Amino acid sequence: MSDREYADSYAAALLVGRELTGYRHYLRLEAEGQLVKHFDLMNHFEVNALVVLRWLPFPWDRYLDTSFAVGEGLSYATRDPAIEVEKHGRTSQLLNYLLFELAFCLPQHPRWDYFLRVHHRSGVFGLFDGVSGGSNLVGAGFRYRF
């Protein structure tokens, strides 16, 4: 499998998050927990815990409220993910977790948003159990903010 190939692997996730603090209307610090079920080539559960830094203001927010987020944390897989083993030869159940997200909502419905995200597990160049590889998942979803 080359570095740019997509595999027949899918996931469904339940996310729970909370705002921790913010800086004016510019930044928000959040905590997020994820329970992810992988299907097809990978068939396991994954639990992720992370902190998220979200940039809030964009010039077009009065038409389409937009935010950009970066998250950092830990990812625990109940089994060694098959794609990571196939691609890199070895992996670890516990790896670093990175999140990159764009979220959009209509200003008249601020509690509902649609997001696109990159879900990245990585050994951080060998920092986690000597693992130098990882895996990416591109996803989309809906969120309701309580």
N, C-alpha and C. Protein backbone atom coordinates (compact mmCIF):
# COMPACT_ATOMS: atom_id res chain seq x y z
N MET A 1 0.85 -1.16 0.00
CA MET A 1 0.00 0.00 0.00
C MET A 1 0.90 1.23 0.00
N SER A 2 0.72 2.13 -0.94
CA SER A 2 1.54 3.35 -0.98
C SER A 2 1.05 4.33 0.07
N ASP A 3 1.82 5.39 0.28
CA ASP A 3 1.47 6.39 1.29
C ASP A 3 0.18 7.13 0.99
N ARG A 4 -0.26 7.14 -0.27
CA ARG A 4 -1.43 7.94 -0.63
C ARG A 4 -2.63 7.11 -1.03
N GLU A 5 -2.61 5.84 -0.77
CA GLU A 5 -3.75 4.99 -1.09
C GLU A 5 -4.81 5.06 -0.01
N TYR A 6 -6.06 4.93 -0.44
CA TYR A 6 -7.16 4.81 0.51
C TYR A 6 -7.54 3.35 0.60
N ALA A 7 -7.90 2.91 1.78
CA ALA A 7 -8.26 1.51 2.01
C ALA A 7 -9.74 1.41 2.32
N ASP A 8 -10.30 0.22 2.11
CA ASP A 8 -11.70 -0.03 2.43
C ASP A 8 -11.85 -0.25 3.93
N SER A 9 -11.75 0.83 4.66
CA SER A 9 -11.89 0.78 6.10
C SER A 9 -12.76 1.96 6.51
N TYR A 10 -13.70 1.71 7.39
CA TYR A 10 -14.68 2.72 7.78
C TYR A 10 -14.77 2.77 9.30
N ALA A 11 -15.34 3.85 9.79
CA ALA A 11 -15.47 3.99 11.23
C ALA A 11 -16.73 4.79 11.56
N ALA A 12 -17.26 4.54 12.74
CA ALA A 12 -18.34 5.33 13.32
C ALA A 12 -17.86 5.76 14.70
N ALA A 13 -18.18 6.98 15.08
CA ALA A 13 -17.64 7.50 16.35
C ALA A 13 -18.71 8.23 17.15
N LEU A 14 -18.56 8.13 18.46
CA LEU A 14 -19.35 8.92 19.39
C LEU A 14 -18.37 9.85 20.09
N LEU A 15 -18.65 11.15 20.03
CA LEU A 15 -17.74 12.15 20.59
C LEU A 15 -18.43 12.89 21.72
N VAL A 16 -17.70 13.14 22.79
CA VAL A 16 -18.20 13.94 23.90
C VAL A 16 -17.15 15.00 24.18
N GLY A 17 -17.58 16.26 24.18
CA GLY A 17 -16.62 17.33 24.39
C GLY A 17 -17.16 18.38 25.33
N ARG A 18 -16.23 19.18 25.84
CA ARG A 18 -16.61 20.25 26.75
C ARG A 18 -15.63 21.41 26.59
N GLU A 19 -16.18 22.62 26.61
CA GLU A 19 -15.34 23.80 26.57
C GLU A 19 -14.68 23.97 27.94
N LEU A 20 -13.37 24.17 27.94
CA LEU A 20 -12.63 24.38 29.19
C LEU A 20 -12.48 25.86 29.50
N THR A 21 -12.08 26.62 28.49
CA THR A 21 -11.90 28.06 28.64
C THR A 21 -11.83 28.68 27.26
N GLY A 22 -11.85 29.99 27.22
CA GLY A 22 -11.76 30.68 25.95
C GLY A 22 -11.03 31.99 26.11
N TYR A 23 -10.63 32.56 25.00
CA TYR A 23 -10.01 33.88 24.99
C TYR A 23 -10.83 34.76 24.06
N ARG A 24 -11.61 35.64 24.66
CA ARG A 24 -12.50 36.54 23.93
C ARG A 24 -13.33 35.73 22.94
N HIS A 25 -13.45 36.22 21.72
CA HIS A 25 -14.18 35.48 20.69
C HIS A 25 -13.22 34.90 19.67
N TYR A 26 -11.96 34.68 20.08
CA TYR A 26 -10.93 34.22 19.16
C TYR A 26 -10.60 32.74 19.29
N LEU A 27 -10.36 32.31 20.52
CA LEU A 27 -9.89 30.94 20.76
C LEU A 27 -10.74 30.26 21.81
N ARG A 28 -10.82 28.95 21.70
CA ARG A 28 -11.51 28.15 22.71
C ARG A 28 -10.68 26.90 22.95
N LEU A 29 -10.47 26.56 24.21
CA LEU A 29 -9.80 25.33 24.60
C LEU A 29 -10.87 24.35 25.05
N GLU A 30 -10.84 23.14 24.48
CA GLU A 30 -11.86 22.13 24.75
C GLU A 30 -11.20 20.81 25.13
N ALA A 31 -11.95 19.97 25.80
CA ALA A 31 -11.54 18.58 26.05
C ALA A 31 -12.52 17.70 25.28
N GLU A 32 -12.01 16.59 24.71
CA GLU A 32 -12.88 15.70 23.94
C GLU A 32 -12.51 14.26 24.21
N GLY A 33 -13.52 13.42 24.31
CA GLY A 33 -13.34 11.98 24.39
C GLY A 33 -14.06 11.35 23.22
N GLN A 34 -13.48 10.28 22.68
CA GLN A 34 -14.06 9.62 21.51
C GLN A 34 -14.09 8.11 21.72
N LEU A 35 -15.18 7.51 21.31
CA LEU A 35 -15.27 6.05 21.20
C LEU A 35 -15.51 5.76 19.73
N VAL A 36 -14.58 5.04 19.10
CA VAL A 36 -14.60 4.81 17.66
C VAL A 36 -14.70 3.32 17.40
N LYS A 37 -15.60 2.91 16.50
CA LYS A 37 -15.70 1.52 16.06
C LYS A 37 -15.24 1.46 14.61
N HIS A 38 -14.21 0.65 14.35
CA HIS A 38 -13.68 0.48 12.99
C HIS A 38 -14.30 -0.76 12.35
N PHE A 39 -14.54 -0.68 11.02
CA PHE A 39 -15.17 -1.76 10.25
C PHE A 39 -14.30 -2.13 9.04
N ASP A 40 -14.58 -3.26 8.46
CA ASP A 40 -13.96 -3.79 7.25
C ASP A 40 -12.51 -4.19 7.49
N LEU A 41 -11.53 -3.56 6.84
CA LEU A 41 -10.14 -3.99 7.01
C LEU A 41 -9.68 -3.94 8.46
N MET A 42 -10.16 -2.95 9.18
CA MET A 42 -9.85 -2.87 10.61
C MET A 42 -11.15 -3.17 11.35
N ASN A 43 -11.06 -4.02 12.36
CA ASN A 43 -12.26 -4.41 13.09
C ASN A 43 -11.94 -4.37 14.58
N HIS A 44 -11.96 -3.17 15.13
CA HIS A 44 -11.64 -3.00 16.54
C HIS A 44 -12.28 -1.71 17.04
N PHE A 45 -12.19 -1.50 18.34
CA PHE A 45 -12.61 -0.24 18.95
C PHE A 45 -11.38 0.60 19.23
N GLU A 46 -11.59 1.90 19.32
CA GLU A 46 -10.52 2.84 19.64
C GLU A 46 -11.09 3.87 20.61
N VAL A 47 -10.32 4.21 21.63
CA VAL A 47 -10.71 5.23 22.60
C VAL A 47 -9.65 6.33 22.55
N ASN A 48 -10.11 7.56 22.38
CA ASN A 48 -9.20 8.70 22.27
C ASN A 48 -9.57 9.76 23.30
N ALA A 49 -8.57 10.36 23.91
CA ALA A 49 -8.76 11.48 24.83
C ALA A 49 -7.81 12.59 24.40
N LEU A 50 -8.34 13.81 24.26
CA LEU A 50 -7.51 14.88 23.71
C LEU A 50 -7.95 16.25 24.20
N VAL A 51 -7.06 17.20 24.06
CA VAL A 51 -7.39 18.62 24.23
C VAL A 51 -7.42 19.23 22.83
N VAL A 52 -8.32 20.18 22.65
CA VAL A 52 -8.55 20.77 21.33
C VAL A 52 -8.44 22.29 21.46
N LEU A 53 -7.69 22.91 20.57
CA LEU A 53 -7.62 24.36 20.47
C LEU A 53 -8.36 24.77 19.21
N ARG A 54 -9.38 25.62 19.38
CA ARG A 54 -10.26 25.99 18.26
C ARG A 54 -10.16 27.49 17.96
N TRP A 55 -9.87 27.81 16.70
CA TRP A 55 -9.86 29.20 16.22
C TRP A 55 -11.26 29.53 15.73
N LEU A 56 -11.83 30.64 16.21
CA LEU A 56 -13.24 30.92 15.95
C LEU A 56 -13.55 31.96 14.88
N PRO A 57 -12.88 33.11 14.83
CA PRO A 57 -13.37 34.14 13.90
C PRO A 57 -12.89 33.96 12.45
N PHE A 58 -13.83 34.04 11.55
CA PHE A 58 -13.55 34.10 10.12
C PHE A 58 -14.39 35.22 9.53
N PRO A 59 -13.92 35.89 8.47
CA PRO A 59 -14.63 37.06 7.94
C PRO A 59 -16.05 36.76 7.46
N TRP A 60 -16.35 35.54 7.08
CA TRP A 60 -17.66 35.19 6.52
C TRP A 60 -18.60 34.58 7.56
N ASP A 61 -18.26 34.67 8.84
CA ASP A 61 -19.05 34.01 9.88
C ASP A 61 -20.51 34.44 9.92
N ARG A 62 -20.84 35.65 9.49
CA ARG A 62 -22.25 36.06 9.53
C ARG A 62 -23.09 35.28 8.53
N TYR A 63 -22.44 34.65 7.53
CA TYR A 63 -23.14 33.84 6.54
C TYR A 63 -23.02 32.34 6.84
N LEU A 64 -21.81 31.92 7.18
CA LEU A 64 -21.53 30.53 7.52
C LEU A 64 -20.49 30.53 8.63
N ASP A 65 -20.94 30.30 9.84
CA ASP A 65 -20.03 30.31 10.99
C ASP A 65 -19.05 29.16 10.85
N THR A 66 -17.76 29.47 10.92
CA THR A 66 -16.69 28.50 10.64
C THR A 66 -15.69 28.50 11.78
N SER A 67 -15.17 27.33 12.10
CA SER A 67 -14.07 27.25 13.06
C SER A 67 -13.05 26.22 12.56
N PHE A 68 -11.81 26.40 13.01
CA PHE A 68 -10.73 25.46 12.69
C PHE A 68 -10.15 24.98 14.00
N ALA A 69 -9.95 23.66 14.12
CA ALA A 69 -9.46 23.10 15.38
C ALA A 69 -8.29 22.16 15.15
N VAL A 70 -7.40 22.13 16.14
CA VAL A 70 -6.28 21.19 16.19
C VAL A 70 -6.35 20.53 17.56
N GLY A 71 -6.28 19.20 17.58
CA GLY A 71 -6.34 18.47 18.84
C GLY A 71 -5.12 17.58 19.02
N GLU A 72 -4.76 17.34 20.28
CA GLU A 72 -3.61 16.52 20.63
C GLU A 72 -3.97 15.67 21.83
N GLY A 73 -3.64 14.37 21.76
CA GLY A 73 -3.94 13.49 22.88
C GLY A 73 -3.40 12.10 22.69
N LEU A 74 -4.11 11.14 23.28
CA LEU A 74 -3.71 9.73 23.22
C LEU A 74 -4.80 8.91 22.57
N SER A 75 -4.39 7.84 21.88
CA SER A 75 -5.30 6.92 21.22
C SER A 75 -4.98 5.50 21.66
N TYR A 76 -5.99 4.78 22.13
CA TYR A 76 -5.82 3.39 22.52
C TYR A 76 -6.73 2.52 21.66
N ALA A 77 -6.16 1.58 20.93
CA ALA A 77 -6.91 0.64 20.10
C ALA A 77 -7.00 -0.70 20.83
N THR A 78 -8.17 -1.34 20.77
CA THR A 78 -8.33 -2.62 21.47
C THR A 78 -7.54 -3.74 20.83
N ARG A 79 -7.12 -3.56 19.57
CA ARG A 79 -6.22 -4.48 18.85
C ARG A 79 -5.24 -3.64 18.04
N ASP A 80 -4.12 -4.24 17.67
CA ASP A 80 -3.23 -3.54 16.74
C ASP A 80 -3.98 -3.31 15.43
N PRO A 81 -4.18 -2.06 14.99
CA PRO A 81 -4.90 -1.81 13.75
C PRO A 81 -4.21 -2.46 12.55
N ALA A 82 -4.96 -3.25 11.80
CA ALA A 82 -4.42 -4.03 10.69
C ALA A 82 -3.74 -3.16 9.63
N ILE A 83 -4.31 -2.01 9.35
CA ILE A 83 -3.73 -1.13 8.33
C ILE A 83 -2.36 -0.63 8.77
N GLU A 84 -2.21 -0.32 10.05
CA GLU A 84 -0.91 0.14 10.55
C GLU A 84 0.12 -0.97 10.48
N VAL A 85 -0.27 -2.19 10.82
CA VAL A 85 0.65 -3.34 10.76
C VAL A 85 1.05 -3.60 9.31
N GLU A 86 0.06 -3.61 8.40
CA GLU A 86 0.33 -3.88 6.99
C GLU A 86 1.24 -2.82 6.38
N LYS A 87 1.01 -1.58 6.72
CA LYS A 87 1.75 -0.49 6.11
C LYS A 87 3.14 -0.29 6.71
N HIS A 88 3.28 -0.51 8.02
CA HIS A 88 4.53 -0.17 8.70
C HIS A 88 5.24 -1.36 9.34
N GLY A 89 4.63 -2.55 9.30
CA GLY A 89 5.27 -3.73 9.87
C GLY A 89 5.00 -3.94 11.34
N ARG A 90 4.82 -2.86 12.08
CA ARG A 90 4.49 -2.98 13.49
C ARG A 90 3.78 -1.71 13.94
N THR A 91 3.08 -1.84 15.05
CA THR A 91 2.38 -0.70 15.64
C THR A 91 2.25 -0.95 17.12
N SER A 92 1.50 -0.13 17.78
CA SER A 92 1.23 -0.29 19.21
C SER A 92 -0.23 0.06 19.45
N GLN A 93 -0.82 -0.55 20.45
CA GLN A 93 -2.20 -0.21 20.75
C GLN A 93 -2.32 1.23 21.25
N LEU A 94 -1.32 1.71 21.98
CA LEU A 94 -1.32 3.09 22.48
C LEU A 94 -0.41 3.94 21.61
N LEU A 95 -1.00 4.96 20.97
CA LEU A 95 -0.23 5.88 20.13
C LEU A 95 -0.68 7.31 20.40
N ASN A 96 0.06 8.24 19.84
CA ASN A 96 -0.32 9.65 19.88
C ASN A 96 -1.52 9.86 18.96
N TYR A 97 -2.33 10.86 19.27
CA TYR A 97 -3.50 11.16 18.46
C TYR A 97 -3.49 12.64 18.09
N LEU A 98 -3.68 12.93 16.82
CA LEU A 98 -3.81 14.30 16.32
C LEU A 98 -5.14 14.44 15.60
N LEU A 99 -5.73 15.61 15.72
CA LEU A 99 -7.00 15.91 15.08
C LEU A 99 -6.87 17.26 14.37
N PHE A 100 -7.36 17.32 13.15
CA PHE A 100 -7.49 18.58 12.41
C PHE A 100 -8.93 18.65 11.94
N GLU A 101 -9.60 19.77 12.21
CA GLU A 101 -11.04 19.84 11.92
C GLU A 101 -11.44 21.21 11.40
N LEU A 102 -12.34 21.21 10.43
CA LEU A 102 -13.07 22.40 9.99
C LEU A 102 -14.53 22.16 10.32
N ALA A 103 -15.16 23.12 11.00
CA ALA A 103 -16.57 22.98 11.38
C ALA A 103 -17.35 24.17 10.83
N PHE A 104 -18.60 23.90 10.44
CA PHE A 104 -19.45 24.91 9.83
C PHE A 104 -20.85 24.83 10.45
N CYS A 105 -21.46 26.00 10.68
CA CYS A 105 -22.86 26.00 11.10
C CYS A 105 -23.53 27.27 10.58
N LEU A 106 -24.84 27.21 10.47
CA LEU A 106 -25.60 28.39 10.09
C LEU A 106 -25.75 29.27 11.33
N PRO A 107 -25.55 30.58 11.20
CA PRO A 107 -25.64 31.46 12.37
C PRO A 107 -26.98 31.38 13.10
N GLN A 108 -28.06 31.08 12.39
CA GLN A 108 -29.36 30.98 13.04
C GLN A 108 -29.56 29.65 13.78
N HIS A 109 -28.61 28.69 13.62
CA HIS A 109 -28.65 27.39 14.32
C HIS A 109 -27.28 27.10 14.92
N PRO A 110 -26.83 27.90 15.90
CA PRO A 110 -25.46 27.78 16.39
C PRO A 110 -25.15 26.49 17.15
N ARG A 111 -26.16 25.75 17.58
CA ARG A 111 -25.90 24.51 18.32
C ARG A 111 -25.60 23.32 17.41
N TRP A 112 -25.99 23.40 16.15
CA TRP A 112 -25.76 22.31 15.20
C TRP A 112 -24.62 22.68 14.27
N ASP A 113 -23.65 21.80 14.12
CA ASP A 113 -22.65 22.06 13.10
C ASP A 113 -22.25 20.78 12.37
N TYR A 114 -21.69 20.99 11.20
CA TYR A 114 -21.19 19.93 10.33
C TYR A 114 -19.68 20.06 10.35
N PHE A 115 -18.97 18.94 10.46
CA PHE A 115 -17.51 19.04 10.50
C PHE A 115 -16.85 18.04 9.57
N LEU A 116 -15.67 18.42 9.13
CA LEU A 116 -14.76 17.57 8.37
C LEU A 116 -13.50 17.47 9.20
N ARG A 117 -12.98 16.24 9.37
CA ARG A 117 -11.79 16.11 10.21
C ARG A 117 -10.85 15.05 9.71
N VAL A 118 -9.60 15.22 10.09
CA VAL A 118 -8.56 14.22 9.88
C VAL A 118 -8.23 13.65 11.24
N HIS A 119 -8.30 12.34 11.34
CA HIS A 119 -8.08 11.56 12.56
C HIS A 119 -6.74 10.85 12.33
N HIS A 120 -5.73 11.18 13.12
CA HIS A 120 -4.37 10.69 12.87
C HIS A 120 -3.80 10.01 14.10
N ARG A 121 -3.46 8.73 13.98
CA ARG A 121 -2.73 7.97 15.02
C ARG A 121 -1.29 7.86 14.57
N SER A 122 -0.37 8.06 15.50
CA SER A 122 1.04 8.07 15.11
C SER A 122 1.93 7.69 16.28
N GLY A 123 3.08 7.08 15.95
CA GLY A 123 4.10 6.78 16.94
C GLY A 123 5.03 7.94 17.20
N VAL A 124 4.82 9.08 16.54
CA VAL A 124 5.63 10.29 16.68
C VAL A 124 7.11 9.96 16.48
N PHE A 125 7.43 9.42 15.32
CA PHE A 125 8.82 9.12 14.93
C PHE A 125 9.53 8.23 15.95
N GLY A 126 8.81 7.24 16.48
CA GLY A 126 9.41 6.28 17.39
C GLY A 126 9.25 6.58 18.86
N LEU A 127 8.66 7.70 19.21
CA LEU A 127 8.49 8.08 20.61
C LEU A 127 7.57 7.10 21.36
N PHE A 128 6.57 6.56 20.68
CA PHE A 128 5.65 5.60 21.28
C PHE A 128 6.07 4.19 20.91
N ASP A 129 6.69 3.48 21.83
CA ASP A 129 7.04 2.07 21.68
C ASP A 129 7.87 1.79 20.43
N GLY A 130 8.64 2.77 19.98
CA GLY A 130 9.49 2.59 18.80
C GLY A 130 8.74 2.59 17.48
N VAL A 131 7.44 2.91 17.49
CA VAL A 131 6.62 2.91 16.27
C VAL A 131 6.89 4.20 15.49
N SER A 132 7.23 4.04 14.21
CA SER A 132 7.51 5.22 13.39
C SER A 132 6.38 5.55 12.42
N GLY A 133 5.35 4.73 12.35
CA GLY A 133 4.25 4.97 11.42
C GLY A 133 2.96 5.25 12.15
N GLY A 134 1.87 5.14 11.41
CA GLY A 134 0.55 5.38 11.98
C GLY A 134 -0.51 5.23 10.91
N SER A 135 -1.64 5.87 11.12
CA SER A 135 -2.73 5.81 10.15
C SER A 135 -3.54 7.10 10.20
N ASN A 136 -4.23 7.36 9.10
CA ASN A 136 -5.11 8.53 8.97
C ASN A 136 -6.50 8.07 8.60
N LEU A 137 -7.46 8.81 9.05
CA LEU A 137 -8.85 8.58 8.69
C LEU A 137 -9.47 9.94 8.41
N VAL A 138 -10.11 10.09 7.27
CA VAL A 138 -10.80 11.32 6.93
C VAL A 138 -12.27 11.09 7.22
N GLY A 139 -12.87 12.00 7.98
CA GLY A 139 -14.25 11.79 8.39
C GLY A 139 -15.07 13.06 8.33
N ALA A 140 -16.37 12.87 8.42
CA ALA A 140 -17.34 13.96 8.44
C ALA A 140 -18.43 13.60 9.43
N GLY A 141 -19.05 14.61 10.00
CA GLY A 141 -20.12 14.32 10.95
C GLY A 141 -20.93 15.54 11.31
N PHE A 142 -21.94 15.30 12.15
CA PHE A 142 -22.78 16.35 12.70
C PHE A 142 -22.57 16.40 14.20
N ARG A 143 -22.73 17.59 14.77
CA ARG A 143 -22.54 17.74 16.21
C ARG A 143 -23.63 18.65 16.75
N TYR A 144 -24.12 18.32 17.94
CA TYR A 144 -25.04 19.19 18.67
C TYR A 144 -24.33 19.66 19.92
N ARG A 145 -24.28 20.95 20.13
CA ARG A 145 -23.62 21.53 21.31
C ARG A 145 -24.67 21.85 22.36
N PHE A 146 -24.53 21.23 23.54
CA PHE A 146 -25.47 21.46 24.64
C PHE A 146 -25.15 22.74 25.37
